[in-house]
C-alpha atoms as a PDB file:
ATOM      1  CA  UNK A   1      42.682  50.533  -1.517  1.00  0.00           C
ATOM      2  CA  UNK A   2      39.723  52.387  -2.954  1.00  0.00           C
ATOM      3  CA  UNK A   3      39.207  55.752  -4.627  1.00  0.00           C
ATOM      4  CA  UNK A   4      37.068  57.880  -6.908  1.00  0.00           C
ATOM      5  CA  UNK A   5      37.555  56.545 -10.506  1.00  0.00           C
ATOM      6  CA  UNK A   6      36.078  53.046 -10.792  1.00  0.00           C
ATOM      7  CA  UNK A   7      38.114  52.209 -13.890  1.00  0.00           C
ATOM      8  CA  UNK A   8      41.448  52.807 -12.180  1.00  0.00           C
ATOM      9  CA  UNK A   9      40.983  51.675  -8.618  1.00  0.00           C
ATOM     10  CA  UNK A  10      41.491  48.354  -6.883  1.00  0.00           C
ATOM     11  CA  UNK A  11      38.990  47.183  -4.290  1.00  0.00           C
ATOM     12  CA  UNK A  12      39.779  45.206  -1.193  1.00  0.00           C
ATOM     13  CA  UNK A  13      37.856  41.984  -0.956  1.00  0.00           C
ATOM     14  CA  UNK A  14      35.495  43.612   1.567  1.00  0.00           C
ATOM     15  CA  UNK A  15      34.808  46.576  -0.717  1.00  0.00           C
ATOM     16  CA  UNK A  16      34.315  44.336  -3.737  1.00  0.00           C
ATOM     17  CA  UNK A  17      31.917  42.110  -1.773  1.00  0.00           C
ATOM     18  CA  UNK A  18      29.827  45.151  -0.826  1.00  0.00           C
ATOM     19  CA  UNK A  19      29.740  46.478  -4.397  1.00  0.00           C
ATOM     20  CA  UNK A  20      28.862  43.041  -5.737  1.00  0.00           C
ATOM     21  CA  UNK A  21      26.310  42.330  -2.990  1.00  0.00           C
ATOM     22  CA  UNK A  22      27.927  39.014  -2.119  1.00  0.00           C
ATOM     23  CA  UNK A  23      29.736  37.682   0.912  1.00  0.00           C
ATOM     24  CA  UNK A  24      33.491  37.709   1.428  1.00  0.00           C
ATOM     25  CA  UNK A  25      33.259  33.992   2.095  1.00  0.00           C
ATOM     26  CA  UNK A  26      31.720  33.475  -1.355  1.00  0.00           C
ATOM     27  CA  UNK A  27      34.499  35.466  -3.035  1.00  0.00           C
ATOM     28  CA  UNK A  28      37.107  33.366  -1.245  1.00  0.00           C
ATOM     29  CA  UNK A  29      35.340  30.226  -2.454  1.00  0.00           C
ATOM     30  CA  UNK A  30      35.279  31.505  -6.045  1.00  0.00           C
ATOM     31  CA  UNK A  31      38.990  32.264  -5.743  1.00  0.00           C
ATOM     32  CA  UNK A  32      39.748  28.790  -4.383  1.00  0.00           C
ATOM     33  CA  UNK A  33      37.829  27.131  -7.222  1.00  0.00           C
ATOM     34  CA  UNK A  34      39.345  29.386  -9.877  1.00  0.00           C
ATOM     35  CA  UNK A  35      35.992  30.819 -10.885  1.00  0.00           C
ATOM     36  CA  UNK A  36      36.868  34.412  -9.995  1.00  0.00           C
ATOM     37  CA  UNK A  37      40.494  35.134  -9.167  1.00  0.00           C
ATOM     38  CA  UNK A  38      41.500  38.463  -7.585  1.00  0.00           C
ATOM     39  CA  UNK A  39      43.126  40.901  -9.976  1.00  0.00           C
ATOM     40  CA  UNK A  40      46.011  41.206  -7.533  1.00  0.00           C
ATOM     41  CA  UNK A  41      47.210  39.481  -4.367  1.00  0.00           C
ATOM     42  CA  UNK A  42      49.674  41.351  -2.187  1.00  0.00           C
ATOM     43  CA  UNK A  43      52.669  38.998  -1.829  1.00  0.00           C
ATOM     44  CA  UNK A  44      53.511  40.295   1.617  1.00  0.00           C
ATOM     45  CA  UNK A  45      50.095  40.427   3.273  1.00  0.00           C
ATOM     46  CA  UNK A  46      48.142  37.994   1.088  1.00  0.00           C
ATOM     47  CA  UNK A  47      45.345  40.563   0.757  1.00  0.00           C
ATOM     48  CA  UNK A  48      43.158  40.135  -2.302  1.00  0.00           C
ATOM     49  CA  UNK A  49      42.269  43.074  -4.581  1.00  0.00           C
ATOM     50  CA  UNK A  50      39.688  43.263  -7.350  1.00  0.00           C
ATOM     51  CA  UNK A  51      38.934  45.713 -10.161  1.00  0.00           C
ATOM     52  CA  UNK A  52      35.591  47.244 -11.050  1.00  0.00           C
ATOM     53  CA  UNK A  53      35.732  45.436 -14.399  1.00  0.00           C
ATOM     54  CA  UNK A  54      35.474  42.128 -12.522  1.00  0.00           C
ATOM     55  CA  UNK A  55      31.950  43.032 -11.382  1.00  0.00           C
ATOM     56  CA  UNK A  56      30.700  42.015 -14.845  1.00  0.00           C
ATOM     57  CA  UNK A  57      32.096  38.490 -14.427  1.00  0.00           C
ATOM     58  CA  UNK A  58      30.751  38.331 -10.867  1.00  0.00           C
ATOM     59  CA  UNK A  59      27.271  39.331 -12.073  1.00  0.00           C
ATOM     60  CA  UNK A  60      27.303  36.577 -14.693  1.00  0.00           C
ATOM     61  CA  UNK A  61      28.469  34.015 -12.171  1.00  0.00           C
ATOM     62  CA  UNK A  62      25.714  34.894  -9.687  1.00  0.00           C
ATOM     63  CA  UNK A  63      23.001  34.998 -12.362  1.00  0.00           C
ATOM     64  CA  UNK A  64      23.993  31.595 -13.756  1.00  0.00           C
ATOM     65  CA  UNK A  65      24.312  30.097 -10.277  1.00  0.00           C
ATOM     66  CA  UNK A  66      20.837  31.394  -9.368  1.00  0.00           C
ATOM     67  CA  UNK A  67      19.517  29.709 -12.509  1.00  0.00           C
ATOM     68  CA  UNK A  68      20.688  26.437 -11.021  1.00  0.00           C
ATOM     69  CA  UNK A  69      23.830  25.756 -13.056  1.00  0.00           C
ATOM     70  CA  UNK A  70      26.697  23.939 -11.367  1.00  0.00           C
ATOM     71  CA  UNK A  71      29.928  25.846 -10.721  1.00  0.00           C
ATOM     72  CA  UNK A  72      31.628  23.816 -13.458  1.00  0.00           C
ATOM     73  CA  UNK A  73      28.879  24.776 -15.913  1.00  0.00           C
ATOM     74  CA  UNK A  74      29.172  28.402 -14.815  1.00  0.00           C
ATOM     75  CA  UNK A  75      32.938  28.311 -15.394  1.00  0.00           C
ATOM     76  CA  UNK A  76      32.520  26.862 -18.886  1.00  0.00           C
ATOM     77  CA  UNK A  77      29.944  29.528 -19.766  1.00  0.00           C
ATOM     78  CA  UNK A  78      31.812  32.570 -18.464  1.00  0.00           C
ATOM     79  CA  UNK A  79      35.060  31.333 -20.018  1.00  0.00           C
ATOM     80  CA  UNK A  80      33.181  30.875 -23.312  1.00  0.00           C
ATOM     81  CA  UNK A  81      33.857  27.148 -23.503  1.00  0.00           C
ATOM     82  CA  UNK A  82      30.155  26.698 -24.311  1.00  0.00           C
ATOM     83  CA  UNK A  83      28.916  27.713 -27.751  1.00  0.00           C
ATOM     84  CA  UNK A  84      26.061  30.172 -28.110  1.00  0.00           C
ATOM     85  CA  UNK A  85      23.759  27.416 -29.352  1.00  0.00           C
ATOM     86  CA  UNK A  86      24.681  25.151 -26.426  1.00  0.00           C
ATOM     87  CA  UNK A  87      24.062  28.027 -24.025  1.00  0.00           C
ATOM     88  CA  UNK A  88      20.634  28.701 -25.551  1.00  0.00           C
ATOM     89  CA  UNK A  89      19.799  25.025 -25.156  1.00  0.00           C
ATOM     90  CA  UNK A  90      20.949  25.028 -21.530  1.00  0.00           C
ATOM     91  CA  UNK A  91      18.910  28.133 -20.785  1.00  0.00           C
ATOM     92  CA  UNK A  92      15.793  26.721 -22.469  1.00  0.00           C
ATOM     93  CA  UNK A  93      16.125  23.518 -20.460  1.00  0.00           C
ATOM     94  CA  UNK A  94      16.629  25.425 -17.210  1.00  0.00           C
ATOM     95  CA  UNK A  95      13.644  27.651 -17.976  1.00  0.00           C
ATOM     96  CA  UNK A  96      11.475  24.576 -18.480  1.00  0.00           C
ATOM     97  CA  UNK A  97      12.727  23.102 -15.199  1.00  0.00           C
ATOM     98  CA  UNK A  98      11.992  26.332 -13.336  1.00  0.00           C
ATOM     99  CA  UNK A  99       8.510  26.598 -14.880  1.00  0.00           C
ATOM    100  CA  UNK A 100       7.793  23.028 -13.788  1.00  0.00           C
ATOM    101  CA  UNK A 101       9.031  23.772 -10.275  1.00  0.00           C
ATOM    102  CA  UNK A 102       6.893  26.925 -10.081  1.00  0.00           C
ATOM    103  CA  UNK A 103       3.824  25.001 -11.251  1.00  0.00           C
ATOM    104  CA  UNK A 104       4.473  22.255  -8.706  1.00  0.00           C
ATOM    105  CA  UNK A 105       4.943  24.802  -5.921  1.00  0.00           C
ATOM    106  CA  UNK A 106       1.688  26.512  -6.940  1.00  0.00           C
ATOM    107  CA  UNK A 107      -0.148  23.187  -6.875  1.00  0.00           C
ATOM    108  CA  UNK A 108       1.262  22.414  -3.419  1.00  0.00           C
ATOM    109  CA  UNK A 109       0.168  25.831  -2.196  1.00  0.00           C
ATOM    110  CA  UNK A 110      -3.376  25.171  -3.424  1.00  0.00           C
ATOM    111  CA  UNK A 111      -3.424  21.874  -1.516  1.00  0.00           C
ATOM    112  CA  UNK A 112      -2.066  23.524   1.645  1.00  0.00           C
ATOM    113  CA  UNK A 113      -4.829  26.131   1.432  1.00  0.00           C
ATOM    114  CA  UNK A 114      -7.396  23.381   0.934  1.00  0.00           C
ATOM    115  CA  UNK A 115      -6.104  21.568   4.033  1.00  0.00           C
ATOM    116  CA  UNK A 116      -6.284  24.790   6.015  1.00  0.00           C
ATOM    117  CA  UNK A 117      -9.904  25.330   4.944  1.00  0.00           C
ATOM    118  CA  UNK A 118     -10.684  21.754   5.947  1.00  0.00           C
ATOM    119  CA  UNK A 119      -9.147  22.386   9.360  1.00  0.00           C
ATOM    120  CA  UNK A 120     -11.069  25.651   9.753  1.00  0.00           C
ATOM    121  CA  UNK A 121     -14.359  23.929   8.867  1.00  0.00           C
ATOM    122  CA  UNK A 122     -13.971  21.276  11.575  1.00  0.00           C
ATOM    123  CA  UNK A 123     -16.777  21.581  14.077  1.00  0.00           C
ATOM    124  CA  UNK A 124     -18.820  23.742  11.705  1.00  0.00           C
ATOM    125  CA  UNK A 125     -20.356  21.012   9.597  1.00  0.00           C
ATOM    126  CA  UNK A 126     -23.433  22.176   7.683  1.00  0.00           C
ATOM    127  CA  UNK A 127     -26.444  19.879   8.012  1.00  0.00           C
ATOM    128  CA  UNK A 128     -28.422  20.910   4.940  1.00  0.00           C
ATOM    129  CA  UNK A 129     -25.809  20.530   2.185  1.00  0.00           C
ATOM    130  CA  UNK A 130     -25.901  16.741   1.880  1.00  0.00           C
ATOM    131  CA  UNK A 131     -28.720  14.908   0.090  1.00  0.00           C
ATOM    132  CA  UNK A 132     -29.324  11.156   0.010  1.00  0.00           C
ATOM    133  CA  UNK A 133     -30.635   9.980  -3.349  1.00  0.00           C
ATOM    134  CA  UNK A 134     -30.508   7.101  -5.814  1.00  0.00           C
ATOM    135  CA  UNK A 135     -28.467   7.401  -9.001  1.00  0.00           C
ATOM    136  CA  UNK A 136     -29.621   5.762 -12.229  1.00  0.00           C
ATOM    137  CA  UNK A 137     -27.500   3.713 -14.601  1.00  0.00           C
ATOM    138  CA  UNK A 138     -25.817   5.956 -17.154  1.00  0.00           C
ATOM    139  CA  UNK A 139     -23.981   5.140 -20.366  1.00  0.00           C
ATOM    140  CA  UNK A 140     -20.544   6.717 -20.621  1.00  0.00           C
ATOM    141  CA  UNK A 141     -17.507   6.769 -22.864  1.00  0.00           C
ATOM    142  CA  UNK A 142     -14.280   6.633 -20.912  1.00  0.00           C
ATOM    143  CA  UNK A 143     -10.528   6.387 -20.823  1.00  0.00           C
ATOM    144  CA  UNK A 144      -8.695   4.892 -17.860  1.00  0.00           C
ATOM    145  CA  UNK A 145      -5.216   5.318 -16.394  1.00  0.00           C
ATOM    146  CA  UNK A 146      -3.462   4.641 -13.093  1.00  0.00           C
ATOM    147  CA  UNK A 147      -2.486   7.219 -10.481  1.00  0.00           C
ATOM    148  CA  UNK A 148       0.090   6.634  -7.770  1.00  0.00           C
ATOM    149  CA  UNK A 149      -2.419   7.454  -5.009  1.00  0.00           C
ATOM    150  CA  UNK A 150      -5.731   9.218  -4.311  1.00  0.00           C
ATOM    151  CA  UNK A 151      -3.894  12.364  -3.243  1.00  0.00           C
ATOM    152  CA  UNK A 152      -4.847  15.417  -5.334  1.00  0.00           C
ATOM    153  CA  UNK A 153      -1.289  15.922  -6.568  1.00  0.00           C
ATOM    154  CA  UNK A 154      -1.371  12.405  -8.056  1.00  0.00           C
ATOM    155  CA  UNK A 155      -4.939  12.478  -9.423  1.00  0.00           C
ATOM    156  CA  UNK A 156      -4.803  15.895 -11.115  1.00  0.00           C
ATOM    157  CA  UNK A 157      -1.926  15.208 -13.542  1.00  0.00           C
ATOM    158  CA  UNK A 158      -3.652  11.975 -14.630  1.00  0.00           C
ATOM    159  CA  UNK A 159      -7.290  12.933 -15.046  1.00  0.00           C
ATOM    160  CA  UNK A 160      -6.723  16.216 -16.909  1.00  0.00           C
ATOM    161  CA  UNK A 161      -4.819  14.676 -19.840  1.00  0.00           C
ATOM    162  CA  UNK A 162      -7.283  11.748 -19.866  1.00  0.00           C
ATOM    163  CA  UNK A 163     -10.203  14.097 -20.492  1.00  0.00           C
ATOM    164  CA  UNK A 164      -8.231  15.954 -23.178  1.00  0.00           C
ATOM    165  CA  UNK A 165      -7.583  12.659 -24.988  1.00  0.00           C
ATOM    166  CA  UNK A 166     -11.153  11.459 -24.503  1.00  0.00           C
ATOM    167  CA  UNK A 167     -12.764  14.518 -26.084  1.00  0.00           C
ATOM    168  CA  UNK A 168     -10.286  14.428 -28.983  1.00  0.00           C
ATOM    169  CA  UNK A 169     -11.130  10.773 -29.665  1.00  0.00           C
ATOM    170  CA  UNK A 170     -14.861  11.355 -29.339  1.00  0.00           C
ATOM    171  CA  UNK A 171     -14.614  14.176 -31.854  1.00  0.00           C
ATOM    172  CA  UNK A 172     -12.658  12.009 -34.293  1.00  0.00           C
ATOM    173  CA  UNK A 173     -15.281   9.281 -33.939  1.00  0.00           C
ATOM    174  CA  UNK A 174     -18.172  11.710 -34.423  1.00  0.00           C
ATOM    175  CA  UNK A 175     -19.591  10.961 -30.968  1.00  0.00           C
ATOM    176  CA  UNK A 176     -21.226  13.896 -29.159  1.00  0.00           C
ATOM    177  CA  UNK A 177     -21.551  13.842 -25.349  1.00  0.00           C
ATOM    178  CA  UNK A 178     -25.154  13.820 -24.155  1.00  0.00           C
ATOM    179  CA  UNK A 179     -24.535  14.746 -20.542  1.00  0.00           C
ATOM    180  CA  UNK A 180     -21.918  15.820 -18.021  1.00  0.00           C
ATOM    181  CA  UNK A 181     -18.524  14.325 -17.354  1.00  0.00           C
ATOM    182  CA  UNK A 182     -18.306  11.623 -14.712  1.00  0.00           C
ATOM    183  CA  UNK A 183     -15.002  10.909 -12.995  1.00  0.00           C
ATOM    184  CA  UNK A 184     -14.855   7.820 -10.834  1.00  0.00           C
ATOM    185  CA  UNK A 185     -12.164   5.858  -9.069  1.00  0.00           C
ATOM    186  CA  UNK A 186     -11.312   2.334  -7.949  1.00  0.00           C
ATOM    187  CA  UNK A 187      -8.420   0.630  -6.203  1.00  0.00           C
ATOM    188  CA  UNK A 188      -6.002  -0.443  -8.927  1.00  0.00           C
ATOM    189  CA  UNK A 189      -5.615  -4.212  -9.441  1.00  0.00           C
ATOM    190  CA  UNK A 190      -1.879  -4.025  -8.725  1.00  0.00           C
ATOM    191  CA  UNK A 191      -2.535  -2.637  -5.229  1.00  0.00           C
ATOM    192  CA  UNK A 192       0.075  -0.621  -3.395  1.00  0.00           C
ATOM    193  CA  UNK A 193      -2.346   2.258  -2.901  1.00  0.00           C
ATOM    194  CA  UNK A 194      -2.550   2.927  -6.643  1.00  0.00           C
ATOM    195  CA  UNK A 195      -5.838   4.150  -8.090  1.00  0.00           C
ATOM    196  CA  UNK A 196      -7.605   3.374 -11.374  1.00  0.00           C
ATOM    197  CA  UNK A 197      -8.775   6.759 -12.679  1.00  0.00           C
ATOM    198  CA  UNK A 198     -11.777   6.759 -15.025  1.00  0.00           C
ATOM    199  CA  UNK A 199     -12.388   9.932 -17.055  1.00  0.00           C
ATOM    200  CA  UNK A 200     -15.874   9.491 -18.514  1.00  0.00           C
ATOM    201  CA  UNK A 201     -18.653  11.488 -20.152  1.00  0.00           C
ATOM    202  CA  UNK A 202     -22.274  10.575 -20.818  1.00  0.00           C
ATOM    203  CA  UNK A 203     -23.010   9.452 -24.391  1.00  0.00           C
ATOM    204  CA  UNK A 204     -25.717   7.734 -26.423  1.00  0.00           C
ATOM    205  CA  UNK A 205     -23.579   5.250 -28.325  1.00  0.00           C
ATOM    206  CA  UNK A 206     -23.339   1.459 -28.726  1.00  0.00           C
ATOM    207  CA  UNK A 207     -21.275  -0.466 -26.198  1.00  0.00           C
ATOM    208  CA  UNK A 208     -17.757  -0.715 -27.608  1.00  0.00           C
ATOM    209  CA  UNK A 209     -14.039  -0.945 -26.968  1.00  0.00           C
ATOM    210  CA  UNK A 210     -11.630   0.856 -29.255  1.00  0.00           C
ATOM    211  CA  UNK A 211     -10.201   4.342 -29.149  1.00  0.00           C
ATOM    212  CA  UNK A 212     -12.338   4.664 -26.026  1.00  0.00           C
ATOM    213  CA  UNK A 213     -14.598   2.366 -24.052  1.00  0.00           C
ATOM    214  CA  UNK A 214     -18.392   2.732 -23.874  1.00  0.00           C
ATOM    215  CA  UNK A 215     -20.075   1.080 -20.889  1.00  0.00           C
ATOM    216  CA  UNK A 216     -23.087   1.368 -18.632  1.00  0.00           C
ATOM    217  CA  UNK A 217     -21.997   2.806 -15.298  1.00  0.00           C
ATOM    218  CA  UNK A 218     -24.003   0.941 -12.634  1.00  0.00           C
ATOM    219  CA  UNK A 219     -26.725   2.656 -10.648  1.00  0.00           C
ATOM    220  CA  UNK A 220     -26.307   3.539  -6.973  1.00  0.00           C
ATOM    221  CA  UNK A 221     -29.185   2.583  -4.673  1.00  0.00           C
ATOM    222  CA  UNK A 222     -28.103   5.195  -2.165  1.00  0.00           C
ATOM    223  CA  UNK A 223     -25.628   8.000  -2.627  1.00  0.00           C
ATOM    224  CA  UNK A 224     -24.768  10.799  -0.226  1.00  0.00           C
ATOM    225  CA  UNK A 225     -24.332  13.822  -2.455  1.00  0.00           C
ATOM    226  CA  UNK A 226     -22.941  17.313  -2.028  1.00  0.00           C
ATOM    227  CA  UNK A 227     -22.203  20.112  -4.497  1.00  0.00           C
ATOM    228  CA  UNK A 228     -18.702  21.556  -4.691  1.00  0.00           C
ATOM    229  CA  UNK A 229     -18.206  24.984  -6.241  1.00  0.00           C
ATOM    230  CA  UNK A 230     -14.739  25.772  -7.517  1.00  0.00           C
ATOM    231  CA  UNK A 231     -11.718  24.014  -8.936  1.00  0.00           C
ATOM    232  CA  UNK A 232     -11.354  20.346  -8.088  1.00  0.00           C
ATOM    233  CA  UNK A 233      -7.949  21.261  -6.696  1.00  0.00           C
ATOM    234  CA  UNK A 234      -9.864  22.744  -3.743  1.00  0.00           C
ATOM    235  CA  UNK A 235     -12.371  19.913  -3.261  1.00  0.00           C
ATOM    236  CA  UNK A 236     -10.877  18.595  -0.007  1.00  0.00           C
ATOM    237  CA  UNK A 237     -13.011  20.609   2.475  1.00  0.00           C
ATOM    238  CA  UNK A 238     -16.197  19.671   0.584  1.00  0.00           C
ATOM    239  CA  UNK A 239     -15.200  16.001   0.423  1.00  0.00           C
ATOM    240  CA  UNK A 240     -14.436  15.932   4.141  1.00  0.00           C
ATOM    241  CA  UNK A 241     -17.723  17.658   4.952  1.00  0.00           C
ATOM    242  CA  UNK A 242     -19.433  14.823   3.067  1.00  0.00           C
ATOM    243  CA  UNK A 243     -17.390  12.208   4.951  1.00  0.00           C
ATOM    244  CA  UNK A 244     -18.264  13.706   8.342  1.00  0.00           C
ATOM    245  CA  UNK A 245     -21.955  13.855   7.423  1.00  0.00           C
ATOM    246  CA  UNK A 246     -21.921  10.191   6.407  1.00  0.00           C
ATOM    247  CA  UNK A 247     -20.336   9.199   9.703  1.00  0.00           C
ATOM    248  CA  UNK A 248     -22.635  11.396  11.825  1.00  0.00           C
ATOM    249  CA  UNK A 249     -25.867  10.219  10.204  1.00  0.00           C
ATOM    250  CA  UNK A 250     -25.575   6.471  10.468  1.00  0.00           C
ATOM    251  CA  UNK A 251     -24.229   5.667   7.002  1.00  0.00           C
ATOM    252  CA  UNK A 252     -21.154   3.862   5.781  1.00  0.00           C
ATOM    253  CA  UNK A 253     -19.283   4.679   2.578  1.00  0.00           C
ATOM    254  CA  UNK A 254     -18.914   1.751   0.179  1.00  0.00           C
ATOM    255  CA  UNK A 255     -16.608   3.263  -2.404  1.00  0.00           C
ATOM    256  CA  UNK A 256     -14.920   6.350  -3.772  1.00  0.00           C
ATOM    257  CA  UNK A 257     -17.228   9.289  -4.560  1.00  0.00           C
ATOM    258  CA  UNK A 258     -18.089   9.900  -8.200  1.00  0.00           C
ATOM    259  CA  UNK A 259     -17.557  13.438  -9.504  1.00  0.00           C
ATOM    260  CA  UNK A 260     -20.290  14.768 -11.789  1.00  0.00           C
ATOM    261  CA  UNK A 261     -19.163  17.848 -13.710  1.00  0.00           C
ATOM    262  CA  UNK A 262     -22.364  19.907 -13.739  1.00  0.00           C
ATOM    263  CA  UNK A 263     -20.736  23.111 -14.998  1.00  0.00           C
ATOM    264  CA  UNK A 264     -17.223  23.409 -16.430  1.00  0.00           C
ATOM    265  CA  UNK A 265     -16.621  26.950 -17.730  1.00  0.00           C
ATOM    266  CA  UNK A 266     -13.152  28.022 -18.809  1.00  0.00           C
ATOM    267  CA  UNK A 267     -12.450  29.529 -15.382  1.00  0.00           C
ATOM    268  CA  UNK A 268     -11.935  26.489 -13.163  1.00  0.00           C
ATOM    269  CA  UNK A 269     -12.873  28.540 -10.087  1.00  0.00           C
ATOM    270  CA  UNK A 270     -16.436  28.656 -11.458  1.00  0.00           C
ATOM    271  CA  UNK A 271     -16.805  24.881 -11.850  1.00  0.00           C
ATOM    272  CA  UNK A 272     -19.783  23.169 -10.223  1.00  0.00           C
ATOM    273  CA  UNK A 273     -19.293  19.493  -9.348  1.00  0.00           C
ATOM    274  CA  UNK A 274     -21.549  17.066  -7.525  1.00  0.00           C
ATOM    275  CA  UNK A 275     -19.871  14.417  -5.372  1.00  0.00           C
ATOM    276  CA  UNK A 276     -21.834  11.157  -5.163  1.00  0.00           C
ATOM    277  CA  UNK A 277     -20.578   8.802  -2.442  1.00  0.00           C
ATOM    278  CA  UNK A 278     -22.155   5.325  -2.470  1.00  0.00           C
ATOM    279  CA  UNK A 279     -23.400   4.509   1.040  1.00  0.00           C
ATOM    280  CA  UNK A 280     -25.343   1.943   3.065  1.00  0.00           C
ATOM    281  CA  UNK A 281     -26.970   2.176   6.481  1.00  0.00           C
ATOM    282  CA  UNK A 282     -24.723   1.006   9.299  1.00  0.00           C
END
């Protein structure tokens, strides 16, 4: 049954589903679980009928479900078994989870785009972007941590916080960087594909271990170098261009490329980074 005054009428389950923009199957499920019972069930036919006032409960159920709450949590909330403070806490937690998921999805999208650019650049390798040169010993202050792998999604969350900590500690110690940042990588001692991540910056300070380590980063007799412009999240095509050049020109890589942060403005898309891959002649 349906009519003109929403406050007085009863909707069939099909009508109520259309007004609520949900499926009949979903309404039947909510009925079976006790989350949203029909206002009336015809004892003869078994037909379910709903009132317009029940749309408010339906809207709350759908909104909470879309936020990721379980049906039991939704029931407790709509039946006011959860206090206002508990609900605020649940919503804050869910918001944080959703923000994390959005950030992770954005990071994955960046990596997919980088892979696509790498695929598109195959067979179009520039020949004048790579320079072979020697790299002098440089003194750096550094912090080190371990990443699960050399994949960008594992390196990024490690190296960013490392640099934040490093610059805070340098400032507290009154040490001023004298040159660009230098990120370099090694296979972690524990193996399993894990990577030792070194976040370093050039300094003129005595060798020391403490809040940070100061060491002389060894020179490289030969390094194949290329300049990457943009966020390091998009470095993959540049790194693979360098790898193809090394292979095509009779060299062999002997380690992970160093990353020299030549320019690091606030907008990461404007970063300029030199990759230095240690190489030998094959």
